[in-house]
Amino acid sequence: MTTKVPNFNTFSTIIDRLSIENVKLSHFEFLVAQEGADKSELDRKIHLQQEMIKLIRLELENFMTEVFLNKKYDYIDEERTFK
């Protein structure tokens, strides 16, 4: 099992990134419906977002499989600069 690093490869970081990429996808899909939108450029961006989301979902699936199989979630406890 790999030790997880906050703000890099922890559960919350993966979920956060998945959320952000889905918001970006929704934004591009919304823009397609707008008059005067460059549809070919937006289609390219939509495709890239879909690929990004697919890879992040795979990362999340691998992460969860590792945790469930090992019954362990090892991470570094991050120290805060300010409290």
Foldseek 3Di string as FASTA:
>chain_A
DDAAEPCPQDLVNLVVVLVVLVVVLVVLVVQCPDPPGPNVVSVVVNVVSVVVNVVSVVSNVVVVVVCVVVVDHHYDDDDDPDD
